[in-house]
Amino acid sequence: MRTATLPRTRSAVVIGTAALESITAAGLLRLAVPEAMGGEGGSLAALASAARLLASRDPAAAWIFRAQRLAIELLVHAGNVGLREHLLPQLLAGERAGTLPLSPSPRPLLAMEAGNAMRLYGQYPRVPNLQWAGFSVAAPVQIGGTVEWVMLRGEEDRLRVGIDQGEPCPLGSRSATLIFDGVFFRMDEWLGGPEIDERVARVAHVLAEAVPMP
């Protein structure tokens, strides 16, 4: 497995970009992803081993890997086939960053009706892999009595990214607070219902143990 040596004299933006590129080049993003969906297959044990090794060598890259790989896993199990077919190849190829709130049991965003659409409100601290070149973020949303999952483009209006956070976030992990201040939600950005949590649980658990976050 190859990992980049990233000097601290470079900017956090450059370091974060290089980290995602090195993870992609090493083939880590395709581990334990079904071959039919563009992955390399393989076991969760292999995924865990790669994540632990990366965490020991480059904590910033490990944070980015955990976020990107979990976003990929959500798309693998997405109920929205169109969204998966459009976005999954981009995340697997590292052409676009993917992320989600990695805190245990993140509070769902609040959805408020706005005519025939909805607007989303809430915020998450320490979200990694918010790459300057563009990212997509998955998040739980409280809709009625259930929690649904959506995946929004970082370019959406009223989705604000804070400044890079310092310790305990590793330099180059591209971690910041995400603020949803009335972000418009379209149904083509819907990922799935509450069942998606159970479907990604094994991969989420493996990565959480290998790459812990404060």
C-alpha atoms as a PDB file:
ATOM      1  CA  MET A   1       0.000   0.000   0.000  1.00  0.00           C
ATOM      2  CA  ARG A   2       1.376   3.402  -0.920  1.00  0.00           C
ATOM      3  CA  THR A   3       0.895   6.475   1.206  1.00  0.00           C
ATOM      4  CA  ALA A   4       2.157   9.956   0.543  1.00  0.00           C
ATOM      5  CA  THR A   5       4.652  11.727   2.774  1.00  0.00           C
ATOM      6  CA  LEU A   6       3.081  15.127   3.223  1.00  0.00           C
ATOM      7  CA  PRO A   7       5.251  17.906   4.660  1.00  0.00           C
ATOM      8  CA  ARG A   8       3.596  20.327   7.073  1.00  0.00           C
ATOM      9  CA  THR A   9       5.018  23.326   5.237  1.00  0.00           C
ATOM     10  CA  ARG A  10       2.423  22.891   2.490  1.00  0.00           C
ATOM     11  CA  SER A  11      -1.075  24.326   2.771  1.00  0.00           C
ATOM     12  CA  ALA A  12      -3.904  22.256   4.243  1.00  0.00           C
ATOM     13  CA  VAL A  13      -5.717  22.421   0.902  1.00  0.00           C
ATOM     14  CA  VAL A  14      -2.749  21.011  -1.034  1.00  0.00           C
ATOM     15  CA  ILE A  15      -2.076  18.348   1.586  1.00  0.00           C
ATOM     16  CA  GLY A  16      -5.732  17.260   1.603  1.00  0.00           C
ATOM     17  CA  THR A  17      -5.811  17.005  -2.186  1.00  0.00           C
ATOM     18  CA  ALA A  18      -2.592  14.974  -2.247  1.00  0.00           C
ATOM     19  CA  ALA A  19      -3.948  12.653   0.441  1.00  0.00           C
ATOM     20  CA  LEU A  20      -7.089  11.826  -1.535  1.00  0.00           C
ATOM     21  CA  GLU A  21      -4.996  11.306  -4.671  1.00  0.00           C
ATOM     22  CA  SER A  22      -2.605   8.923  -2.901  1.00  0.00           C
ATOM     23  CA  ILE A  23      -5.468   6.891  -1.398  1.00  0.00           C
ATOM     24  CA  THR A  24      -7.061   6.568  -4.822  1.00  0.00           C
ATOM     25  CA  ALA A  25      -3.803   5.618  -6.544  1.00  0.00           C
ATOM     26  CA  ALA A  26      -3.197   2.898  -3.951  1.00  0.00           C
ATOM     27  CA  GLY A  27      -6.577   1.320  -4.795  1.00  0.00           C
ATOM     28  CA  LEU A  28      -7.856   1.621  -1.228  1.00  0.00           C
ATOM     29  CA  LEU A  29     -11.242   3.092  -2.132  1.00  0.00           C
ATOM     30  CA  ARG A  30     -12.248  -0.035  -4.064  1.00  0.00           C
ATOM     31  CA  LEU A  31     -11.484  -2.494  -1.247  1.00  0.00           C
ATOM     32  CA  ALA A  32     -14.546  -4.539  -0.193  1.00  0.00           C
ATOM     33  CA  VAL A  33     -16.697  -2.850  -2.844  1.00  0.00           C
ATOM     34  CA  PRO A  34     -18.533  -5.326  -5.126  1.00  0.00           C
ATOM     35  CA  GLU A  35     -16.793  -5.849  -8.462  1.00  0.00           C
ATOM     36  CA  ALA A  36     -20.105  -5.343 -10.257  1.00  0.00           C
ATOM     37  CA  MET A  37     -20.121  -1.768  -8.927  1.00  0.00           C
ATOM     38  CA  GLY A  38     -16.564  -0.935  -9.898  1.00  0.00           C
ATOM     39  CA  GLY A  39     -14.785  -2.240  -6.802  1.00  0.00           C
ATOM     40  CA  GLU A  40     -12.185  -4.932  -6.231  1.00  0.00           C
ATOM     41  CA  GLY A  41     -14.236  -7.101  -3.884  1.00  0.00           C
ATOM     42  CA  GLY A  42     -12.324  -8.595  -1.001  1.00  0.00           C
ATOM     43  CA  SER A  43     -13.000  -8.958   2.688  1.00  0.00           C
ATOM     44  CA  LEU A  44     -13.692  -6.516   5.483  1.00  0.00           C
ATOM     45  CA  ALA A  45     -10.534  -7.824   7.141  1.00  0.00           C
ATOM     46  CA  ALA A  46      -8.466  -6.512   4.225  1.00  0.00           C
ATOM     47  CA  LEU A  47     -10.245  -3.154   4.463  1.00  0.00           C
ATOM     48  CA  ALA A  48      -9.583  -2.957   8.204  1.00  0.00           C
ATOM     49  CA  SER A  49      -5.912  -3.850   7.774  1.00  0.00           C
ATOM     50  CA  ALA A  50      -5.414  -1.168   5.131  1.00  0.00           C
ATOM     51  CA  ALA A  51      -7.198   1.446   7.247  1.00  0.00           C
ATOM     52  CA  ARG A  52      -5.109   0.656  10.341  1.00  0.00           C
ATOM     53  CA  LEU A  53      -1.855   0.845   8.394  1.00  0.00           C
ATOM     54  CA  LEU A  54      -2.858   4.156   6.845  1.00  0.00           C
ATOM     55  CA  ALA A  55      -3.831   5.559  10.261  1.00  0.00           C
ATOM     56  CA  SER A  56      -0.411   4.649  11.660  1.00  0.00           C
ATOM     57  CA  ARG A  57       1.418   6.345   8.799  1.00  0.00           C
ATOM     58  CA  ASP A  58      -0.720   9.365   7.918  1.00  0.00           C
ATOM     59  CA  PRO A  59      -3.619  10.336  10.239  1.00  0.00           C
ATOM     60  CA  ALA A  60      -4.909  13.045   7.890  1.00  0.00           C
ATOM     61  CA  ALA A  61      -5.096  10.628   4.966  1.00  0.00           C
ATOM     62  CA  ALA A  62      -6.782   8.072   7.231  1.00  0.00           C
ATOM     63  CA  TRP A  63      -9.519  10.537   8.182  1.00  0.00           C
ATOM     64  CA  ILE A  64     -10.067  11.313   4.502  1.00  0.00           C
ATOM     65  CA  PHE A  65     -10.135   7.610   3.674  1.00  0.00           C
ATOM     66  CA  ARG A  66     -12.733   6.855   6.348  1.00  0.00           C
ATOM     67  CA  ALA A  67     -15.033   9.616   5.104  1.00  0.00           C
ATOM     68  CA  GLN A  68     -14.644   8.796   1.406  1.00  0.00           C
ATOM     69  CA  ARG A  69     -15.063   5.051   1.904  1.00  0.00           C
ATOM     70  CA  LEU A  70     -18.197   5.470   4.048  1.00  0.00           C
ATOM     71  CA  ALA A  71     -19.749   7.779   1.459  1.00  0.00           C
ATOM     72  CA  ILE A  72     -19.004   5.080  -1.115  1.00  0.00           C
ATOM     73  CA  GLU A  73     -20.649   2.438   1.086  1.00  0.00           C
ATOM     74  CA  LEU A  74     -23.806   4.541   1.393  1.00  0.00           C
ATOM     75  CA  LEU A  75     -23.989   4.762  -2.388  1.00  0.00           C
ATOM     76  CA  VAL A  76     -23.427   1.010  -2.748  1.00  0.00           C
ATOM     77  CA  HIS A  77     -26.574   0.452  -0.678  1.00  0.00           C
ATOM     78  CA  ALA A  78     -28.548   3.457  -1.894  1.00  0.00           C
ATOM     79  CA  GLY A  79     -32.197   3.011  -2.748  1.00  0.00           C
ATOM     80  CA  ASN A  80     -31.738   5.676  -5.420  1.00  0.00           C
ATOM     81  CA  VAL A  81     -30.166   3.739  -8.302  1.00  0.00           C
ATOM     82  CA  GLY A  82     -29.858   6.818 -10.500  1.00  0.00           C
ATOM     83  CA  LEU A  83     -27.854   8.687  -7.873  1.00  0.00           C
ATOM     84  CA  ARG A  84     -25.616   5.668  -7.300  1.00  0.00           C
ATOM     85  CA  GLU A  85     -24.876   5.183 -10.989  1.00  0.00           C
ATOM     86  CA  HIS A  86     -24.084   8.872 -11.411  1.00  0.00           C
ATOM     87  CA  LEU A  87     -21.964   9.515  -8.335  1.00  0.00           C
ATOM     88  CA  LEU A  88     -20.364   6.210  -7.291  1.00  0.00           C
ATOM     89  CA  PRO A  89     -17.857   6.046 -10.187  1.00  0.00           C
ATOM     90  CA  GLN A  90     -16.697   9.586  -9.365  1.00  0.00           C
ATOM     91  CA  LEU A  91     -16.069   8.741  -5.714  1.00  0.00           C
ATOM     92  CA  LEU A  92     -14.334   5.458  -6.508  1.00  0.00           C
ATOM     93  CA  ALA A  93     -12.023   7.254  -8.948  1.00  0.00           C
ATOM     94  CA  GLY A  94     -11.306  10.040  -6.453  1.00  0.00           C
ATOM     95  CA  GLU A  95     -12.638  12.580  -8.951  1.00  0.00           C
ATOM     96  CA  ARG A  96     -14.947  13.924  -6.273  1.00  0.00           C
ATOM     97  CA  ALA A  97     -14.707  13.858  -2.506  1.00  0.00           C
ATOM     98  CA  GLY A  98     -17.379  12.233  -0.382  1.00  0.00           C
ATOM     99  CA  THR A  99     -18.088  12.655   3.293  1.00  0.00           C
ATOM    100  CA  LEU A 100     -20.661  12.518   6.091  1.00  0.00           C
ATOM    101  CA  PRO A 101     -20.849  13.381   9.798  1.00  0.00           C
ATOM    102  CA  LEU A 102     -18.700  10.770  11.543  1.00  0.00           C
ATOM    103  CA  SER A 103     -19.800  11.438  15.107  1.00  0.00           C
ATOM    104  CA  PRO A 104     -21.764   8.572  16.717  1.00  0.00           C
ATOM    105  CA  SER A 105     -25.513   8.920  16.106  1.00  0.00           C
ATOM    106  CA  PRO A 106     -25.354  12.338  14.419  1.00  0.00           C
ATOM    107  CA  ARG A 107     -28.415  14.508  14.976  1.00  0.00           C
ATOM    108  CA  PRO A 108     -30.580  14.491  11.823  1.00  0.00           C
ATOM    109  CA  LEU A 109     -30.997  17.692   9.888  1.00  0.00           C
ATOM    110  CA  LEU A 110     -34.348  19.402  10.292  1.00  0.00           C
ATOM    111  CA  ALA A 111     -36.475  19.483   7.132  1.00  0.00           C
ATOM    112  CA  MET A 112     -38.990  22.278   6.688  1.00  0.00           C
ATOM    113  CA  GLU A 113     -41.527  22.411   3.873  1.00  0.00           C
ATOM    114  CA  ALA A 114     -41.037  25.144   1.289  1.00  0.00           C
ATOM    115  CA  GLY A 115     -43.839  24.856  -1.228  1.00  0.00           C
ATOM    116  CA  ASN A 116     -43.375  21.559  -3.047  1.00  0.00           C
ATOM    117  CA  ALA A 117     -39.807  21.194  -1.768  1.00  0.00           C
ATOM    118  CA  MET A 118     -37.944  21.137   1.545  1.00  0.00           C
ATOM    119  CA  ARG A 119     -35.162  23.145   3.110  1.00  0.00           C
ATOM    120  CA  LEU A 120     -32.661  21.604   5.501  1.00  0.00           C
ATOM    121  CA  TYR A 121     -31.250  23.103   8.693  1.00  0.00           C
ATOM    122  CA  GLY A 122     -28.538  22.007  11.107  1.00  0.00           C
ATOM    123  CA  GLN A 123     -24.780  21.732  11.462  1.00  0.00           C
ATOM    124  CA  TYR A 124     -22.018  19.171  11.998  1.00  0.00           C
ATOM    125  CA  PRO A 125     -18.543  19.855  13.418  1.00  0.00           C
ATOM    126  CA  ARG A 126     -15.304  18.112  12.390  1.00  0.00           C
ATOM    127  CA  VAL A 127     -16.497  16.828   9.026  1.00  0.00           C
ATOM    128  CA  PRO A 128     -13.390  15.644   7.107  1.00  0.00           C
ATOM    129  CA  ASN A 129     -12.621  15.477   3.392  1.00  0.00           C
ATOM    130  CA  LEU A 130     -14.221  18.813   2.474  1.00  0.00           C
ATOM    131  CA  GLN A 131     -12.013  19.168  -0.573  1.00  0.00           C
ATOM    132  CA  TRP A 132     -11.721  22.553  -2.234  1.00  0.00           C
ATOM    133  CA  ALA A 133     -12.224  21.020  -5.685  1.00  0.00           C
ATOM    134  CA  GLY A 134     -15.703  19.783  -4.720  1.00  0.00           C
ATOM    135  CA  PHE A 135     -17.406  17.302  -2.449  1.00  0.00           C
ATOM    136  CA  SER A 136     -20.726  15.572  -1.797  1.00  0.00           C
ATOM    137  CA  VAL A 137     -21.988  15.119   1.752  1.00  0.00           C
ATOM    138  CA  ALA A 138     -24.378  12.441   2.998  1.00  0.00           C
ATOM    139  CA  ALA A 139     -26.523  13.334   5.989  1.00  0.00           C
ATOM    140  CA  PRO A 140     -29.515  11.999   7.923  1.00  0.00           C
ATOM    141  CA  VAL A 141     -32.687  14.092   7.698  1.00  0.00           C
ATOM    142  CA  GLN A 142     -35.734  13.973   9.930  1.00  0.00           C
ATOM    143  CA  ILE A 143     -38.715  13.789   7.592  1.00  0.00           C
ATOM    144  CA  GLY A 144     -41.978  13.245   9.396  1.00  0.00           C
ATOM    145  CA  GLY A 145     -41.514  10.362  11.799  1.00  0.00           C
ATOM    146  CA  THR A 146     -38.575   8.726  10.043  1.00  0.00           C
ATOM    147  CA  VAL A 147     -34.912   9.481   9.400  1.00  0.00           C
ATOM    148  CA  GLU A 148     -33.997   9.437   5.714  1.00  0.00           C
ATOM    149  CA  TRP A 149     -30.541   9.839   4.156  1.00  0.00           C
ATOM    150  CA  VAL A 150     -29.680  12.372   1.467  1.00  0.00           C
ATOM    151  CA  MET A 151     -26.506  13.242  -0.429  1.00  0.00           C
ATOM    152  CA  LEU A 152     -26.023  16.912  -1.238  1.00  0.00           C
ATOM    153  CA  ARG A 153     -23.487  18.700  -3.392  1.00  0.00           C
ATOM    154  CA  GLY A 154     -21.101  20.957  -1.526  1.00  0.00           C
ATOM    155  CA  GLU A 155     -21.910  23.653  -4.094  1.00  0.00           C
ATOM    156  CA  GLU A 156     -25.515  23.958  -2.894  1.00  0.00           C
ATOM    157  CA  ASP A 157     -26.667  27.438  -1.891  1.00  0.00           C
ATOM    158  CA  ARG A 158     -26.787  27.972   1.885  1.00  0.00           C
ATOM    159  CA  LEU A 159     -24.421  25.076   2.591  1.00  0.00           C
ATOM    160  CA  ARG A 160     -21.517  26.789   4.316  1.00  0.00           C
ATOM    161  CA  VAL A 161     -18.092  25.362   5.136  1.00  0.00           C
ATOM    162  CA  GLY A 162     -16.148  26.765   8.083  1.00  0.00           C
ATOM    163  CA  ILE A 163     -12.409  27.270   8.193  1.00  0.00           C
ATOM    164  CA  ASP A 164     -10.098  24.273   8.542  1.00  0.00           C
ATOM    165  CA  GLN A 165     -10.185  23.148  12.147  1.00  0.00           C
ATOM    166  CA  GLY A 166      -6.982  22.622  14.082  1.00  0.00           C
ATOM    167  CA  GLU A 167      -6.199  20.053  16.737  1.00  0.00           C
ATOM    168  CA  PRO A 168      -7.370  17.396  17.293  1.00  0.00           C
ATOM    169  CA  CYS A 169      -8.046  17.301  13.546  1.00  0.00           C
ATOM    170  CA  PRO A 170      -4.865  16.354  11.635  1.00  0.00           C
ATOM    171  CA  LEU A 171      -3.470  18.999   9.283  1.00  0.00           C
ATOM    172  CA  GLY A 172      -4.634  18.195   5.767  1.00  0.00           C
ATOM    173  CA  SER A 173      -7.705  16.180   6.772  1.00  0.00           C
ATOM    174  CA  ARG A 174      -9.803  19.056   5.379  1.00  0.00           C
ATOM    175  CA  SER A 175     -12.015  18.985   8.487  1.00  0.00           C
ATOM    176  CA  ALA A 176     -14.412  21.827   9.210  1.00  0.00           C
ATOM    177  CA  THR A 177     -17.908  22.606  10.435  1.00  0.00           C
ATOM    178  CA  LEU A 178     -20.698  22.213   7.887  1.00  0.00           C
ATOM    179  CA  ILE A 179     -23.702  24.530   8.303  1.00  0.00           C
ATOM    180  CA  PHE A 180     -27.006  23.824   6.567  1.00  0.00           C
ATOM    181  CA  ASP A 181     -28.942  27.082   6.587  1.00  0.00           C
ATOM    182  CA  GLY A 182     -32.006  26.301   4.520  1.00  0.00           C
ATOM    183  CA  VAL A 183     -30.313  24.105   1.909  1.00  0.00           C
ATOM    184  CA  PHE A 184     -32.777  23.168  -0.831  1.00  0.00           C
ATOM    185  CA  PHE A 185     -33.452  19.428  -1.041  1.00  0.00           C
ATOM    186  CA  ARG A 186     -34.385  17.713  -4.309  1.00  0.00           C
ATOM    187  CA  MET A 187     -35.729  14.168  -4.428  1.00  0.00           C
ATOM    188  CA  ASP A 188     -32.999  13.089  -6.853  1.00  0.00           C
ATOM    189  CA  GLU A 189     -30.580  13.589  -3.937  1.00  0.00           C
ATOM    190  CA  TRP A 190     -32.387  11.064  -1.727  1.00  0.00           C
ATOM    191  CA  LEU A 191     -30.184   8.098  -0.742  1.00  0.00           C
ATOM    192  CA  GLY A 192     -32.507   5.836   1.222  1.00  0.00           C
ATOM    193  CA  GLY A 193     -34.528   5.295   4.360  1.00  0.00           C
ATOM    194  CA  PRO A 194     -33.571   4.144   7.867  1.00  0.00           C
ATOM    195  CA  GLU A 195     -32.659   0.680   6.582  1.00  0.00           C
ATOM    196  CA  ILE A 196     -29.461   2.086   5.069  1.00  0.00           C
ATOM    197  CA  ASP A 197     -27.921   2.450   8.548  1.00  0.00           C
ATOM    198  CA  GLU A 198     -28.048  -1.313   9.079  1.00  0.00           C
ATOM    199  CA  ARG A 199     -26.675  -2.035   5.610  1.00  0.00           C
ATOM    200  CA  VAL A 200     -23.536   0.062   6.109  1.00  0.00           C
ATOM    201  CA  ALA A 201     -23.075  -0.830   9.790  1.00  0.00           C
ATOM    202  CA  ARG A 202     -20.333  -3.445   9.313  1.00  0.00           C
ATOM    203  CA  VAL A 203     -18.113  -1.212   7.190  1.00  0.00           C
ATOM    204  CA  ALA A 204     -18.798   1.764   9.479  1.00  0.00           C
ATOM    205  CA  HIS A 205     -17.775  -0.285  12.513  1.00  0.00           C
ATOM    206  CA  VAL A 206     -14.576  -1.572  10.880  1.00  0.00           C
ATOM    207  CA  LEU A 207     -13.476   1.917   9.859  1.00  0.00           C
ATOM    208  CA  ALA A 208     -14.410   3.478  13.208  1.00  0.00           C
ATOM    209  CA  GLU A 209     -12.189   0.982  15.017  1.00  0.00           C
ATOM    210  CA  ALA A 210      -9.311   1.404  12.583  1.00  0.00           C
ATOM    211  CA  VAL A 211      -9.521   5.197  12.305  1.00  0.00           C
ATOM    212  CA  PRO A 212     -10.946   6.584  15.569  1.00  0.00           C
ATOM    213  CA  MET A 213     -11.940  10.238  15.791  1.00  0.00           C
ATOM    214  CA  PRO A 214     -12.218  12.415  18.920  1.00  0.00           C
END
